[in-house]
Amino acid sequence: FNGMFINDLMGLLLKLATLIATFMVLAYSR
């Protein structure tokens, strides 16, 4: 997207951690 969006290892790991954390939040909160 003309250099507006980057896919790198830091971003991938942080996204994976964000998704795991949110999955746990919803499970905790049900």
mmCIF file of all heavy atoms, coordinates in Angstrom:
data_MODEL
# 
_entry.id   MODEL 
# 
loop_
_atom_site.group_PDB 
_atom_site.id 
_atom_site.type_symbol 
_atom_site.label_atom_id 
_atom_site.label_alt_id 
_atom_site.label_comp_id 
_atom_site.label_asym_id 
_atom_site.label_entity_id 
_atom_site.label_seq_id 
_atom_site.pdbx_PDB_ins_code 
_atom_site.Cartn_x 
_atom_site.Cartn_y 
_atom_site.Cartn_z 
_atom_site.occupancy 
_atom_site.B_iso_or_equiv 
_atom_site.pdbx_formal_charge 
_atom_site.auth_seq_id 
_atom_site.auth_comp_id 
_atom_site.auth_asym_id 
_atom_site.auth_atom_id 
_atom_site.pdbx_PDB_model_num 
ATOM 1   N N   . PHE A 1 1  ? 0.837   -1.209  0.000  1.00 0.00 ? 1  PHE A N   1 
ATOM 2   C CA  . PHE A 1 1  ? 0.000   0.000   0.000  1.00 0.00 ? 1  PHE A CA  1 
ATOM 3   C C   . PHE A 1 1  ? 0.873   1.262   0.000  1.00 0.00 ? 1  PHE A C   1 
ATOM 4   O O   . PHE A 1 1  ? 0.748   2.139   0.846  1.00 0.00 ? 1  PHE A O   1 
ATOM 5   C CB  . PHE A 1 1  ? -0.958  0.021   1.198  1.00 0.00 ? 1  PHE A CB  1 
ATOM 6   C CG  . PHE A 1 1  ? -1.828  -1.195  1.303  1.00 0.00 ? 1  PHE A CG  1 
ATOM 7   C CD1 . PHE A 1 1  ? -1.840  -1.952  2.454  1.00 0.00 ? 1  PHE A CD1 1 
ATOM 8   C CD2 . PHE A 1 1  ? -2.619  -1.591  0.234  1.00 0.00 ? 1  PHE A CD2 1 
ATOM 9   C CE1 . PHE A 1 1  ? -2.633  -3.097  2.555  1.00 0.00 ? 1  PHE A CE1 1 
ATOM 10  C CE2 . PHE A 1 1  ? -3.417  -2.731  0.323  1.00 0.00 ? 1  PHE A CE2 1 
ATOM 11  C CZ  . PHE A 1 1  ? -3.419  -3.481  1.476  1.00 0.00 ? 1  PHE A CZ  1 
ATOM 12  N N   . ASN A 1 2  ? 1.790   1.299   -0.974 1.00 0.00 ? 2  ASN A N   1 
ATOM 13  C CA  . ASN A 1 2  ? 2.692   2.448   -1.122 1.00 0.00 ? 2  ASN A CA  1 
ATOM 14  C C   . ASN A 1 2  ? 3.506   2.726   0.142  1.00 0.00 ? 2  ASN A C   1 
ATOM 15  O O   . ASN A 1 2  ? 3.746   3.881   0.522  1.00 0.00 ? 2  ASN A O   1 
ATOM 16  C CB  . ASN A 1 2  ? 1.915   3.701   -1.519 1.00 0.00 ? 2  ASN A CB  1 
ATOM 17  C CG  . ASN A 1 2  ? 1.473   3.661   -2.965 1.00 0.00 ? 2  ASN A CG  1 
ATOM 18  O OD1 . ASN A 1 2  ? 2.204   3.185   -3.842 1.00 0.00 ? 2  ASN A OD1 1 
ATOM 19  N ND2 . ASN A 1 2  ? 0.271   4.140   -3.239 1.00 0.00 ? 2  ASN A ND2 1 
ATOM 20  N N   . GLY A 1 3  ? 3.939   1.664   0.796  1.00 0.00 ? 3  GLY A N   1 
ATOM 21  C CA  . GLY A 1 3  ? 4.796   1.822   1.970  1.00 0.00 ? 3  GLY A CA  1 
ATOM 22  C C   . GLY A 1 3  ? 4.055   2.194   3.237  1.00 0.00 ? 3  GLY A C   1 
ATOM 23  O O   . GLY A 1 3  ? 4.695   2.502   4.251  1.00 0.00 ? 3  GLY A O   1 
ATOM 24  N N   . MET A 1 4  ? 2.722   2.155   3.234  1.00 0.00 ? 4  MET A N   1 
ATOM 25  C CA  . MET A 1 4  ? 1.950   2.536   4.423  1.00 0.00 ? 4  MET A CA  1 
ATOM 26  C C   . MET A 1 4  ? 1.801   1.388   5.414  1.00 0.00 ? 4  MET A C   1 
ATOM 27  O O   . MET A 1 4  ? 1.507   1.611   6.587  1.00 0.00 ? 4  MET A O   1 
ATOM 28  C CB  . MET A 1 4  ? 0.565   3.043   4.018  1.00 0.00 ? 4  MET A CB  1 
ATOM 29  C CG  . MET A 1 4  ? 0.595   4.283   3.141  1.00 0.00 ? 4  MET A CG  1 
ATOM 30  S SD  . MET A 1 4  ? -1.042  4.797   2.596  1.00 0.00 ? 4  MET A SD  1 
ATOM 31  C CE  . MET A 1 4  ? -1.698  5.494   4.099  1.00 0.00 ? 4  MET A CE  1 
ATOM 32  N N   . PHE A 1 5  ? 1.989   0.177   4.958  1.00 0.00 ? 5  PHE A N   1 
ATOM 33  C CA  . PHE A 1 5  ? 1.745   -1.017  5.772  1.00 0.00 ? 5  PHE A CA  1 
ATOM 34  C C   . PHE A 1 5  ? 2.966   -1.913  5.671  1.00 0.00 ? 5  PHE A C   1 
ATOM 35  O O   . PHE A 1 5  ? 3.460   -2.160  4.577  1.00 0.00 ? 5  PHE A O   1 
ATOM 36  C CB  . PHE A 1 5  ? 0.495   -1.738  5.233  1.00 0.00 ? 5  PHE A CB  1 
ATOM 37  C CG  . PHE A 1 5  ? -0.019  -2.843  6.115  1.00 0.00 ? 5  PHE A CG  1 
ATOM 38  C CD1 . PHE A 1 5  ? -1.024  -2.614  7.028  1.00 0.00 ? 5  PHE A CD1 1 
ATOM 39  C CD2 . PHE A 1 5  ? 0.498   -4.133  6.008  1.00 0.00 ? 5  PHE A CD2 1 
ATOM 40  C CE1 . PHE A 1 5  ? -1.521  -3.633  7.829  1.00 0.00 ? 5  PHE A CE1 1 
ATOM 41  C CE2 . PHE A 1 5  ? 0.023   -5.163  6.796  1.00 0.00 ? 5  PHE A CE2 1 
ATOM 42  C CZ  . PHE A 1 5  ? -1.002  -4.905  7.713  1.00 0.00 ? 5  PHE A CZ  1 
ATOM 43  N N   . ILE A 1 6  ? 3.458   -2.374  6.822  1.00 0.00 ? 6  ILE A N   1 
ATOM 44  C CA  . ILE A 1 6  ? 4.668   -3.193  6.815  1.00 0.00 ? 6  ILE A CA  1 
ATOM 45  C C   . ILE A 1 6  ? 4.403   -4.546  7.482  1.00 0.00 ? 6  ILE A C   1 
ATOM 46  O O   . ILE A 1 6  ? 3.699   -4.633  8.492  1.00 0.00 ? 6  ILE A O   1 
ATOM 47  C CB  . ILE A 1 6  ? 5.838   -2.468  7.526  1.00 0.00 ? 6  ILE A CB  1 
ATOM 48  C CG1 . ILE A 1 6  ? 7.137   -3.271  7.378  1.00 0.00 ? 6  ILE A CG1 1 
ATOM 49  C CG2 . ILE A 1 6  ? 5.523   -2.202  8.994  1.00 0.00 ? 6  ILE A CG2 1 
ATOM 50  C CD1 . ILE A 1 6  ? 8.376   -2.521  7.824  1.00 0.00 ? 6  ILE A CD1 1 
ATOM 51  N N   . ASN A 1 7  ? 4.938   -5.569  6.874  1.00 0.00 ? 7  ASN A N   1 
ATOM 52  C CA  . ASN A 1 7  ? 4.858   -6.921  7.428  1.00 0.00 ? 7  ASN A CA  1 
ATOM 53  C C   . ASN A 1 7  ? 6.271   -7.338  7.813  1.00 0.00 ? 7  ASN A C   1 
ATOM 54  O O   . ASN A 1 7  ? 7.097   -7.613  6.948  1.00 0.00 ? 7  ASN A O   1 
ATOM 55  C CB  . ASN A 1 7  ? 4.259   -7.884  6.389  1.00 0.00 ? 7  ASN A CB  1 
ATOM 56  C CG  . ASN A 1 7  ? 4.344   -9.335  6.823  1.00 0.00 ? 7  ASN A CG  1 
ATOM 57  O OD1 . ASN A 1 7  ? 4.055   -9.646  7.971  1.00 0.00 ? 7  ASN A OD1 1 
ATOM 58  N ND2 . ASN A 1 7  ? 4.753   -10.205 5.917  1.00 0.00 ? 7  ASN A ND2 1 
ATOM 59  N N   . ASP A 1 8  ? 6.574   -7.338  9.103  1.00 0.00 ? 8  ASP A N   1 
ATOM 60  C CA  . ASP A 1 8  ? 7.892   -7.757  9.571  1.00 0.00 ? 8  ASP A CA  1 
ATOM 61  C C   . ASP A 1 8  ? 7.723   -8.665  10.778 1.00 0.00 ? 8  ASP A C   1 
ATOM 62  O O   . ASP A 1 8  ? 6.615   -8.875  11.292 1.00 0.00 ? 8  ASP A O   1 
ATOM 63  C CB  . ASP A 1 8  ? 8.791   -6.561  9.887  1.00 0.00 ? 8  ASP A CB  1 
ATOM 64  C CG  . ASP A 1 8  ? 8.181   -5.628  10.941 1.00 0.00 ? 8  ASP A CG  1 
ATOM 65  O OD1 . ASP A 1 8  ? 7.116   -5.977  11.487 1.00 0.00 ? 8  ASP A OD1 1 
ATOM 66  O OD2 . ASP A 1 8  ? 8.760   -4.561  11.202 1.00 0.00 ? 8  ASP A OD2 1 
ATOM 67  N N   . LEU A 1 9  ? 8.821   -9.232  11.262 1.00 0.00 ? 9  LEU A N   1 
ATOM 68  C CA  . LEU A 1 9  ? 8.749   -10.224 12.333 1.00 0.00 ? 9  LEU A CA  1 
ATOM 69  C C   . LEU A 1 9  ? 8.239   -9.605  13.629 1.00 0.00 ? 9  LEU A C   1 
ATOM 70  O O   . LEU A 1 9  ? 7.453   -10.234 14.347 1.00 0.00 ? 9  LEU A O   1 
ATOM 71  C CB  . LEU A 1 9  ? 10.131  -10.855 12.550 1.00 0.00 ? 9  LEU A CB  1 
ATOM 72  C CG  . LEU A 1 9  ? 10.197  -11.988 13.580 1.00 0.00 ? 9  LEU A CG  1 
ATOM 73  C CD1 . LEU A 1 9  ? 9.194   -13.095 13.260 1.00 0.00 ? 9  LEU A CD1 1 
ATOM 74  C CD2 . LEU A 1 9  ? 11.611  -12.553 13.666 1.00 0.00 ? 9  LEU A CD2 1 
ATOM 75  N N   . MET A 1 10 ? 8.655   -8.389  13.938 1.00 0.00 ? 10 MET A N   1 
ATOM 76  C CA  . MET A 1 10 ? 8.163   -7.742  15.150 1.00 0.00 ? 10 MET A CA  1 
ATOM 77  C C   . MET A 1 10 ? 6.644   -7.609  15.100 1.00 0.00 ? 10 MET A C   1 
ATOM 78  O O   . MET A 1 10 ? 5.932   -7.928  16.056 1.00 0.00 ? 10 MET A O   1 
ATOM 79  C CB  . MET A 1 10 ? 8.797   -6.359  15.339 1.00 0.00 ? 10 MET A CB  1 
ATOM 80  C CG  . MET A 1 10 ? 8.360   -5.678  16.629 1.00 0.00 ? 10 MET A CG  1 
ATOM 81  S SD  . MET A 1 10 ? 8.834   -3.928  16.765 1.00 0.00 ? 10 MET A SD  1 
ATOM 82  C CE  . MET A 1 10 ? 7.462   -3.149  15.871 1.00 0.00 ? 10 MET A CE  1 
ATOM 83  N N   . GLY A 1 11 ? 6.138   -7.136  13.964 1.00 0.00 ? 11 GLY A N   1 
ATOM 84  C CA  . GLY A 1 11 ? 4.701   -6.962  13.812 1.00 0.00 ? 11 GLY A CA  1 
ATOM 85  C C   . GLY A 1 11 ? 3.950   -8.281  13.928 1.00 0.00 ? 11 GLY A C   1 
ATOM 86  O O   . GLY A 1 11 ? 2.903   -8.355  14.578 1.00 0.00 ? 11 GLY A O   1 
ATOM 87  N N   . LEU A 1 12 ? 4.476   -9.325  13.298 1.00 0.00 ? 12 LEU A N   1 
ATOM 88  C CA  . LEU A 1 12 ? 3.813   -10.626 13.349 1.00 0.00 ? 12 LEU A CA  1 
ATOM 89  C C   . LEU A 1 12 ? 3.734   -11.159 14.777 1.00 0.00 ? 12 LEU A C   1 
ATOM 90  O O   . LEU A 1 12 ? 2.678   -11.629 15.222 1.00 0.00 ? 12 LEU A O   1 
ATOM 91  C CB  . LEU A 1 12 ? 4.550   -11.636 12.462 1.00 0.00 ? 12 LEU A CB  1 
ATOM 92  C CG  . LEU A 1 12 ? 4.413   -11.455 10.951 1.00 0.00 ? 12 LEU A CG  1 
ATOM 93  C CD1 . LEU A 1 12 ? 5.274   -12.467 10.218 1.00 0.00 ? 12 LEU A CD1 1 
ATOM 94  C CD2 . LEU A 1 12 ? 2.960   -11.607 10.521 1.00 0.00 ? 12 LEU A CD2 1 
ATOM 95  N N   . LEU A 1 13 ? 4.838   -11.077 15.508 1.00 0.00 ? 13 LEU A N   1 
ATOM 96  C CA  . LEU A 1 13 ? 4.836   -11.597 16.880 1.00 0.00 ? 13 LEU A CA  1 
ATOM 97  C C   . LEU A 1 13 ? 3.906   -10.795 17.773 1.00 0.00 ? 13 LEU A C   1 
ATOM 98  O O   . LEU A 1 13 ? 3.196   -11.366 18.622 1.00 0.00 ? 13 LEU A O   1 
ATOM 99  C CB  . LEU A 1 13 ? 6.261   -11.582 17.436 1.00 0.00 ? 13 LEU A CB  1 
ATOM 100 C CG  . LEU A 1 13 ? 7.241   -12.556 16.786 1.00 0.00 ? 13 LEU A CG  1 
ATOM 101 C CD1 . LEU A 1 13 ? 8.635   -12.388 17.383 1.00 0.00 ? 13 LEU A CD1 1 
ATOM 102 C CD2 . LEU A 1 13 ? 6.771   -13.999 16.965 1.00 0.00 ? 13 LEU A CD2 1 
ATOM 103 N N   . LEU A 1 14 ? 3.895   -9.486  17.619 1.00 0.00 ? 14 LEU A N   1 
ATOM 104 C CA  . LEU A 1 14 ? 3.019   -8.659  18.444 1.00 0.00 ? 14 LEU A CA  1 
ATOM 105 C C   . LEU A 1 14 ? 1.547   -8.900  18.110 1.00 0.00 ? 14 LEU A C   1 
ATOM 106 O O   . LEU A 1 14 ? 0.686   -8.902  19.000 1.00 0.00 ? 14 LEU A O   1 
ATOM 107 C CB  . LEU A 1 14 ? 3.366   -7.178  18.265 1.00 0.00 ? 14 LEU A CB  1 
ATOM 108 C CG  . LEU A 1 14 ? 4.731   -6.738  18.809 1.00 0.00 ? 14 LEU A CG  1 
ATOM 109 C CD1 . LEU A 1 14 ? 4.951   -5.252  18.555 1.00 0.00 ? 14 LEU A CD1 1 
ATOM 110 C CD2 . LEU A 1 14 ? 4.847   -7.043  20.300 1.00 0.00 ? 14 LEU A CD2 1 
ATOM 111 N N   . LYS A 1 15 ? 1.246   -9.130  16.825 1.00 0.00 ? 15 LYS A N   1 
ATOM 112 C CA  . LYS A 1 15 ? -0.136  -9.449  16.451 1.00 0.00 ? 15 LYS A CA  1 
ATOM 113 C C   . LYS A 1 15 ? -0.565  -10.786 17.043 1.00 0.00 ? 15 LYS A C   1 
ATOM 114 O O   . LYS A 1 15 ? -1.682  -10.920 17.560 1.00 0.00 ? 15 LYS A O   1 
ATOM 115 C CB  . LYS A 1 15 ? -0.268  -9.495  14.924 1.00 0.00 ? 15 LYS A CB  1 
ATOM 116 C CG  . LYS A 1 15 ? -0.251  -8.146  14.238 1.00 0.00 ? 15 LYS A CG  1 
ATOM 117 C CD  . LYS A 1 15 ? -0.400  -8.342  12.735 1.00 0.00 ? 15 LYS A CD  1 
ATOM 118 C CE  . LYS A 1 15 ? -0.172  -7.067  11.967 1.00 0.00 ? 15 LYS A CE  1 
ATOM 119 N NZ  . LYS A 1 15 ? -0.262  -7.285  10.505 1.00 0.00 ? 15 LYS A NZ  1 
ATOM 120 N N   . LEU A 1 16 ? 0.295   -11.782 16.959 1.00 0.00 ? 16 LEU A N   1 
ATOM 121 C CA  . LEU A 1 16 ? -0.030  -13.089 17.524 1.00 0.00 ? 16 LEU A CA  1 
ATOM 122 C C   . LEU A 1 16 ? -0.284  -12.982 19.031 1.00 0.00 ? 16 LEU A C   1 
ATOM 123 O O   . LEU A 1 16 ? -1.229  -13.577 19.558 1.00 0.00 ? 16 LEU A O   1 
ATOM 124 C CB  . LEU A 1 16 ? 1.101   -14.083 17.248 1.00 0.00 ? 16 LEU A CB  1 
ATOM 125 C CG  . LEU A 1 16 ? 1.318   -14.463 15.780 1.00 0.00 ? 16 LEU A CG  1 
ATOM 126 C CD1 . LEU A 1 16 ? 2.567   -15.345 15.638 1.00 0.00 ? 16 LEU A CD1 1 
ATOM 127 C CD2 . LEU A 1 16 ? 0.105   -15.196 15.209 1.00 0.00 ? 16 LEU A CD2 1 
ATOM 128 N N   . ALA A 1 17 ? 0.554   -12.201 19.712 1.00 0.00 ? 17 ALA A N   1 
ATOM 129 C CA  . ALA A 1 17 ? 0.371   -12.013 21.157 1.00 0.00 ? 17 ALA A CA  1 
ATOM 130 C C   . ALA A 1 17 ? -0.940  -11.283 21.446 1.00 0.00 ? 17 ALA A C   1 
ATOM 131 O O   . ALA A 1 17 ? -1.654  -11.618 22.403 1.00 0.00 ? 17 ALA A O   1 
ATOM 132 C CB  . ALA A 1 17 ? 1.552   -11.235 21.732 1.00 0.00 ? 17 ALA A CB  1 
ATOM 133 N N   . THR A 1 18 ? -1.274  -10.299 20.623 1.00 0.00 ? 18 THR A N   1 
ATOM 134 C CA  . THR A 1 18 ? -2.530  -9.550  20.794 1.00 0.00 ? 18 THR A CA  1 
ATOM 135 C C   . THR A 1 18 ? -3.738  -10.464 20.641 1.00 0.00 ? 18 THR A C   1 
ATOM 136 O O   . THR A 1 18 ? -4.697  -10.402 21.426 1.00 0.00 ? 18 THR A O   1 
ATOM 137 C CB  . THR A 1 18 ? -2.608  -8.411  19.765 1.00 0.00 ? 18 THR A CB  1 
ATOM 138 O OG1 . THR A 1 18 ? -1.507  -7.513  19.964 1.00 0.00 ? 18 THR A OG1 1 
ATOM 139 C CG2 . THR A 1 18 ? -3.908  -7.637  19.899 1.00 0.00 ? 18 THR A CG2 1 
ATOM 140 N N   . LEU A 1 19 ? -3.703  -11.325 19.647 1.00 0.00 ? 19 LEU A N   1 
ATOM 141 C CA  . LEU A 1 19 ? -4.825  -12.240 19.400 1.00 0.00 ? 19 LEU A CA  1 
ATOM 142 C C   . LEU A 1 19 ? -4.957  -13.268 20.528 1.00 0.00 ? 19 LEU A C   1 
ATOM 143 O O   . LEU A 1 19 ? -6.076  -13.577 20.963 1.00 0.00 ? 19 LEU A O   1 
ATOM 144 C CB  . LEU A 1 19 ? -4.627  -12.943 18.055 1.00 0.00 ? 19 LEU A CB  1 
ATOM 145 C CG  . LEU A 1 19 ? -4.724  -12.025 16.822 1.00 0.00 ? 19 LEU A CG  1 
ATOM 146 C CD1 . LEU A 1 19 ? -4.167  -12.718 15.589 1.00 0.00 ? 19 LEU A CD1 1 
ATOM 147 C CD2 . LEU A 1 19 ? -6.167  -11.590 16.591 1.00 0.00 ? 19 LEU A CD2 1 
ATOM 148 N N   . ILE A 1 20 ? -3.840  -13.783 21.019 1.00 0.00 ? 20 ILE A N   1 
ATOM 149 C CA  . ILE A 1 20 ? -3.884  -14.736 22.140 1.00 0.00 ? 20 ILE A CA  1 
ATOM 150 C C   . ILE A 1 20 ? -4.458  -14.054 23.382 1.00 0.00 ? 20 ILE A C   1 
ATOM 151 O O   . ILE A 1 20 ? -5.321  -14.607 24.077 1.00 0.00 ? 20 ILE A O   1 
ATOM 152 C CB  . ILE A 1 20 ? -2.480  -15.291 22.428 1.00 0.00 ? 20 ILE A CB  1 
ATOM 153 C CG1 . ILE A 1 20 ? -2.011  -16.183 21.281 1.00 0.00 ? 20 ILE A CG1 1 
ATOM 154 C CG2 . ILE A 1 20 ? -2.473  -16.076 23.741 1.00 0.00 ? 20 ILE A CG2 1 
ATOM 155 C CD1 . ILE A 1 20 ? -0.559  -16.619 21.402 1.00 0.00 ? 20 ILE A CD1 1 
ATOM 156 N N   . ALA A 1 21 ? -3.980  -12.836 23.656 1.00 0.00 ? 21 ALA A N   1 
ATOM 157 C CA  . ALA A 1 21 ? -4.456  -12.099 24.832 1.00 0.00 ? 21 ALA A CA  1 
ATOM 158 C C   . ALA A 1 21 ? -5.956  -11.839 24.745 1.00 0.00 ? 21 ALA A C   1 
ATOM 159 O O   . ALA A 1 21 ? -6.685  -11.990 25.730 1.00 0.00 ? 21 ALA A O   1 
ATOM 160 C CB  . ALA A 1 21 ? -3.688  -10.788 24.972 1.00 0.00 ? 21 ALA A CB  1 
ATOM 161 N N   . THR A 1 22 ? -6.443  -11.448 23.574 1.00 0.00 ? 22 THR A N   1 
ATOM 162 C CA  . THR A 1 22 ? -7.865  -11.161 23.417 1.00 0.00 ? 22 THR A CA  1 
ATOM 163 C C   . THR A 1 22 ? -8.699  -12.434 23.537 1.00 0.00 ? 22 THR A C   1 
ATOM 164 O O   . THR A 1 22 ? -9.793  -12.418 24.121 1.00 0.00 ? 22 THR A O   1 
ATOM 165 C CB  . THR A 1 22 ? -8.130  -10.484 22.057 1.00 0.00 ? 22 THR A CB  1 
ATOM 166 O OG1 . THR A 1 22 ? -7.257  -9.354  21.915 1.00 0.00 ? 22 THR A OG1 1 
ATOM 167 C CG2 . THR A 1 22 ? -9.569  -10.013 21.960 1.00 0.00 ? 22 THR A CG2 1 
ATOM 168 N N   . PHE A 1 23 ? -8.201  -13.538 22.996 1.00 0.00 ? 23 PHE A N   1 
ATOM 169 C CA  . PHE A 1 23 ? -8.892  -14.825 23.150 1.00 0.00 ? 23 PHE A CA  1 
ATOM 170 C C   . PHE A 1 23 ? -9.047  -15.163 24.635 1.00 0.00 ? 23 PHE A C   1 
ATOM 171 O O   . PHE A 1 23 ? -10.120 -15.596 25.079 1.00 0.00 ? 23 PHE A O   1 
ATOM 172 C CB  . PHE A 1 23 ? -8.102  -15.919 22.426 1.00 0.00 ? 23 PHE A CB  1 
ATOM 173 C CG  . PHE A 1 23 ? -8.778  -17.262 22.420 1.00 0.00 ? 23 PHE A CG  1 
ATOM 174 C CD1 . PHE A 1 23 ? -9.598  -17.638 21.364 1.00 0.00 ? 23 PHE A CD1 1 
ATOM 175 C CD2 . PHE A 1 23 ? -8.598  -18.156 23.472 1.00 0.00 ? 23 PHE A CD2 1 
ATOM 176 C CE1 . PHE A 1 23 ? -10.236 -18.883 21.356 1.00 0.00 ? 23 PHE A CE1 1 
ATOM 177 C CE2 . PHE A 1 23 ? -9.222  -19.386 23.471 1.00 0.00 ? 23 PHE A CE2 1 
ATOM 178 C CZ  . PHE A 1 23 ? -10.042 -19.753 22.409 1.00 0.00 ? 23 PHE A CZ  1 
ATOM 179 N N   . MET A 1 24 ? -7.990  -14.951 25.399 1.00 0.00 ? 24 MET A N   1 
ATOM 180 C CA  . MET A 1 24 ? -8.046  -15.225 26.833 1.00 0.00 ? 24 MET A CA  1 
ATOM 181 C C   . MET A 1 24 ? -8.995  -14.270 27.543 1.00 0.00 ? 24 MET A C   1 
ATOM 182 O O   . MET A 1 24 ? -9.727  -14.678 28.464 1.00 0.00 ? 24 MET A O   1 
ATOM 183 C CB  . MET A 1 24 ? -6.639  -15.138 27.426 1.00 0.00 ? 24 MET A CB  1 
ATOM 184 C CG  . MET A 1 24 ? -5.696  -16.231 26.938 1.00 0.00 ? 24 MET A CG  1 
ATOM 185 S SD  . MET A 1 24 ? -4.005  -16.036 27.559 1.00 0.00 ? 24 MET A SD  1 
ATOM 186 C CE  . MET A 1 24 ? -4.247  -16.332 29.303 1.00 0.00 ? 24 MET A CE  1 
ATOM 187 N N   . VAL A 1 25 ? -9.006  -13.010 27.139 1.00 0.00 ? 25 VAL A N   1 
ATOM 188 C CA  . VAL A 1 25 ? -9.917  -12.025 27.740 1.00 0.00 ? 25 VAL A CA  1 
ATOM 189 C C   . VAL A 1 25 ? -11.368 -12.466 27.570 1.00 0.00 ? 25 VAL A C   1 
ATOM 190 O O   . VAL A 1 25 ? -12.166 -12.447 28.522 1.00 0.00 ? 25 VAL A O   1 
ATOM 191 C CB  . VAL A 1 25 ? -9.707  -10.633 27.121 1.00 0.00 ? 25 VAL A CB  1 
ATOM 192 C CG1 . VAL A 1 25 ? -10.866 -9.695  27.489 1.00 0.00 ? 25 VAL A CG1 1 
ATOM 193 C CG2 . VAL A 1 25 ? -8.392  -10.025 27.582 1.00 0.00 ? 25 VAL A CG2 1 
ATOM 194 N N   . LEU A 1 26 ? -11.742 -12.874 26.359 1.00 0.00 ? 26 LEU A N   1 
ATOM 195 C CA  . LEU A 1 26 ? -13.120 -13.292 26.112 1.00 0.00 ? 26 LEU A CA  1 
ATOM 196 C C   . LEU A 1 26 ? -13.460 -14.557 26.892 1.00 0.00 ? 26 LEU A C   1 
ATOM 197 O O   . LEU A 1 26 ? -14.574 -14.691 27.414 1.00 0.00 ? 26 LEU A O   1 
ATOM 198 C CB  . LEU A 1 26 ? -13.344 -13.512 24.616 1.00 0.00 ? 26 LEU A CB  1 
ATOM 199 C CG  . LEU A 1 26 ? -13.208 -12.279 23.704 1.00 0.00 ? 26 LEU A CG  1 
ATOM 200 C CD1 . LEU A 1 26 ? -13.626 -12.622 22.272 1.00 0.00 ? 26 LEU A CD1 1 
ATOM 201 C CD2 . LEU A 1 26 ? -14.026 -11.105 24.226 1.00 0.00 ? 26 LEU A CD2 1 
ATOM 202 N N   . ALA A 1 27 ? -12.505 -15.479 26.991 1.00 0.00 ? 27 ALA A N   1 
ATOM 203 C CA  . ALA A 1 27 ? -12.744 -16.708 27.758 1.00 0.00 ? 27 ALA A CA  1 
ATOM 204 C C   . ALA A 1 27 ? -12.902 -16.391 29.243 1.00 0.00 ? 27 ALA A C   1 
ATOM 205 O O   . ALA A 1 27 ? -13.783 -16.946 29.923 1.00 0.00 ? 27 ALA A O   1 
ATOM 206 C CB  . ALA A 1 27 ? -11.609 -17.694 27.531 1.00 0.00 ? 27 ALA A CB  1 
ATOM 207 N N   . TYR A 1 28 ? -12.039 -15.518 29.757 1.00 0.00 ? 28 TYR A N   1 
ATOM 208 C CA  . TYR A 1 28 ? -12.144 -15.099 31.153 1.00 0.00 ? 28 TYR A CA  1 
ATOM 209 C C   . TYR A 1 28 ? -13.499 -14.434 31.430 1.00 0.00 ? 28 TYR A C   1 
ATOM 210 O O   . TYR A 1 28 ? -14.097 -14.612 32.493 1.00 0.00 ? 28 TYR A O   1 
ATOM 211 C CB  . TYR A 1 28 ? -11.048 -14.078 31.480 1.00 0.00 ? 28 TYR A CB  1 
ATOM 212 C CG  . TYR A 1 28 ? -9.767  -14.656 32.015 1.00 0.00 ? 28 TYR A CG  1 
ATOM 213 C CD1 . TYR A 1 28 ? -8.546  -14.301 31.456 1.00 0.00 ? 28 TYR A CD1 1 
ATOM 214 C CD2 . TYR A 1 28 ? -9.762  -15.518 33.101 1.00 0.00 ? 28 TYR A CD2 1 
ATOM 215 C CE1 . TYR A 1 28 ? -7.351  -14.801 31.950 1.00 0.00 ? 28 TYR A CE1 1 
ATOM 216 C CE2 . TYR A 1 28 ? -8.566  -16.029 33.608 1.00 0.00 ? 28 TYR A CE2 1 
ATOM 217 C CZ  . TYR A 1 28 ? -7.361  -15.661 33.030 1.00 0.00 ? 28 TYR A CZ  1 
ATOM 218 O OH  . TYR A 1 28 ? -6.192  -16.169 33.535 1.00 0.00 ? 28 TYR A OH  1 
ATOM 219 N N   . SER A 1 29 ? -13.978 -13.657 30.480 1.00 0.00 ? 29 SER A N   1 
ATOM 220 C CA  . SER A 1 29 ? -15.096 -12.744 30.718 1.00 0.00 ? 29 SER A CA  1 
ATOM 221 C C   . SER A 1 29 ? -16.470 -13.367 30.511 1.00 0.00 ? 29 SER A C   1 
ATOM 222 O O   . SER A 1 29 ? -17.474 -12.763 30.901 1.00 0.00 ? 29 SER A O   1 
ATOM 223 C CB  . SER A 1 29 ? -14.969 -11.524 29.791 1.00 0.00 ? 29 SER A CB  1 
ATOM 224 O OG  . SER A 1 29 ? -13.734 -10.883 29.952 1.00 0.00 ? 29 SER A OG  1 
ATOM 225 N N   . ARG A 1 30 ? -16.551 -14.530 29.905 1.00 0.00 ? 30 ARG A N   1 
ATOM 226 C CA  . ARG A 1 30 ? -17.848 -15.073 29.497 1.00 0.00 ? 30 ARG A CA  1 
ATOM 227 C C   . ARG A 1 30 ? -18.848 -15.171 30.658 1.00 0.00 ? 30 ARG A C   1 
ATOM 228 O O   . ARG A 1 30 ? -19.969 -14.654 30.574 1.00 0.00 ? 30 ARG A O   1 
ATOM 229 C CB  . ARG A 1 30 ? -17.647 -16.438 28.866 1.00 0.00 ? 30 ARG A CB  1 
ATOM 230 C CG  . ARG A 1 30 ? -18.932 -17.083 28.355 1.00 0.00 ? 30 ARG A CG  1 
ATOM 231 C CD  . ARG A 1 30 ? -18.625 -18.404 27.682 1.00 0.00 ? 30 ARG A CD  1 
ATOM 232 N NE  . ARG A 1 30 ? -19.822 -19.114 27.274 1.00 0.00 ? 30 ARG A NE  1 
ATOM 233 C CZ  . ARG A 1 30 ? -19.822 -20.295 26.678 1.00 0.00 ? 30 ARG A CZ  1 
ATOM 234 N NH1 . ARG A 1 30 ? -18.672 -20.885 26.394 1.00 0.00 ? 30 ARG A NH1 1 
ATOM 235 N NH2 . ARG A 1 30 ? -20.943 -20.889 26.342 1.00 0.00 ? 30 ARG A NH2 1 
# 
